[in-house]
Every structure is written in C-alpha cells, then in structure tokens.
C-alpha cells in the first residue's frame, strides 16, 4: 500500500509587530544554537563527556532570550542534541 504525501502552501501577511517577533525568534534561535554548540564543543574537548545544557540556563545569562517563545528555544536544544549525537554515531557526517 502506497502512502500519499500531501502538502499545503499557505501565504501569511504578518503585521509589523508580528514581523518583529518573528525576527527576534529567529535571531535568538540562531544565537542560542551557536552558543550551545560552542559550549558543547568546549566541554567535550576538556572533559571528554557530553554536556547536557538547556535553554533555561542561558536565559539567566541572557535575559533577552525570555522575549521569545520558549518552545522555539526548546526546539533549538533538541535539534542541536540530535545533530551532536549523529556526529558521534556517524563520523563521516560533517
């Protein structure tokens, strides 16, 4: 039995406030991903163990991260952990 994948294309028209919030969310997500990655790499080089860091820990140091949706930042953590695990499981992956 074949499974059929369907897609729906939706165009949104955000107002100025929504555009600002979207840009903040993307910027904070990018910052957090890079910061968490740098910390994981540094910790691994020093300790030879995986660092278990969360976005909540960074909100204390960078309070402006509280301005965006916490689920967006939680997804950053999940994506980074998945990429980090895959890197160690499959060394050929960049």
Protein backbone atom coordinates (compact mmCIF):
# COMPACT_ATOMS: atom_id res chain seq x y z
CA UNK A 1 0.00 0.00 0.00
CA UNK A 2 1.45 3.37 -1.04
CA UNK A 3 1.30 6.32 1.26
CA UNK A 4 0.48 9.61 -0.39
CA UNK A 5 2.14 12.72 1.00
CA UNK A 6 0.21 15.93 0.69
CA UNK A 7 1.34 19.49 1.21
CA UNK A 8 -0.48 22.72 1.76
CA UNK A 9 1.11 26.03 0.85
CA UNK A 10 0.00 28.98 2.94
CA UNK A 11 0.95 32.62 2.49
CA UNK A 12 0.93 34.79 5.60
CA UNK A 13 0.77 38.54 5.85
CA UNK A 14 2.19 39.46 9.27
CA UNK A 15 1.81 42.97 10.62
CA UNK A 16 4.81 44.99 11.89
CA UNK A 17 4.62 43.61 15.44
CA UNK A 18 4.47 40.04 14.17
CA UNK A 19 7.40 40.63 11.81
CA UNK A 20 9.44 41.97 14.74
CA UNK A 21 8.55 38.93 16.87
CA UNK A 22 9.39 36.50 14.05
CA UNK A 23 12.76 38.20 13.52
CA UNK A 24 13.51 38.12 17.28
CA UNK A 25 12.63 34.44 17.45
CA UNK A 26 14.85 33.55 14.50
CA UNK A 27 17.72 35.67 15.82
CA UNK A 28 17.50 34.26 19.34
CA UNK A 29 17.29 30.72 17.99
CA UNK A 30 20.39 31.22 15.87
CA UNK A 31 22.28 32.81 18.77
CA UNK A 32 21.29 30.04 21.18
CA UNK A 33 22.20 27.26 18.74
CA UNK A 34 25.66 28.70 18.15
CA UNK A 35 26.23 29.41 21.86
CA UNK A 36 25.12 25.94 22.95
CA UNK A 37 27.22 24.32 20.23
CA UNK A 38 30.33 26.26 21.27
CA UNK A 39 29.77 25.27 24.92
CA UNK A 40 29.24 21.61 24.00
CA UNK A 41 32.42 21.54 21.90
CA UNK A 42 34.49 23.25 24.60
CA UNK A 43 33.15 20.94 27.32
CA UNK A 44 33.79 17.84 25.21
CA UNK A 45 37.36 18.91 24.48
CA UNK A 46 38.05 19.49 28.18
CA UNK A 47 36.09 16.64 29.81
CA UNK A 48 35.60 14.09 27.00
CA UNK A 49 31.94 13.91 28.05
CA UNK A 50 28.69 15.23 26.59
CA UNK A 51 27.36 18.45 28.10
CA UNK A 52 23.66 18.43 28.98
CA UNK A 53 22.74 22.09 28.66
CA UNK A 54 19.26 23.59 28.35
CA UNK A 55 17.92 26.87 27.04
CA UNK A 56 16.70 27.79 30.54
CA UNK A 57 20.28 28.04 31.77
CA UNK A 58 21.08 30.62 29.12
CA UNK A 59 18.07 32.78 29.98
CA UNK A 60 19.76 33.72 33.27
CA UNK A 61 22.86 34.95 31.47
CA UNK A 62 20.96 36.48 28.51
CA UNK A 63 17.61 37.78 29.83
CA UNK A 64 16.52 38.99 26.38
CA UNK A 65 16.00 35.32 25.42
CA UNK A 66 12.85 35.46 27.55
CA UNK A 67 11.22 37.71 24.94
CA UNK A 68 10.70 34.81 22.50
CA UNK A 69 8.64 31.64 22.66
CA UNK A 70 10.19 29.03 24.94
CA UNK A 71 9.15 26.20 22.60
CA UNK A 72 11.23 27.71 19.80
CA UNK A 73 14.26 27.68 22.09
CA UNK A 74 13.47 24.14 23.27
CA UNK A 75 13.44 23.02 19.63
CA UNK A 76 16.90 24.56 19.22
CA UNK A 77 18.11 22.34 22.04
CA UNK A 78 16.50 19.22 20.53
CA UNK A 79 17.91 19.92 17.06
CA UNK A 80 21.40 20.53 18.42
CA UNK A 81 21.39 17.39 20.55
CA UNK A 82 20.23 15.32 17.57
CA UNK A 83 22.97 16.76 15.36
CA UNK A 84 25.60 16.23 18.06
CA UNK A 85 24.54 12.59 18.60
CA UNK A 86 24.52 11.92 14.87
CA UNK A 87 28.00 13.42 14.55
CA UNK A 88 29.38 10.90 17.04
CA UNK A 89 27.43 7.94 15.65
CA UNK A 90 28.38 8.66 12.05
CA UNK A 91 31.89 10.20 11.95
CA UNK A 92 31.63 10.75 8.19
CA UNK A 93 28.90 13.34 8.79
CA UNK A 94 30.23 16.91 8.86
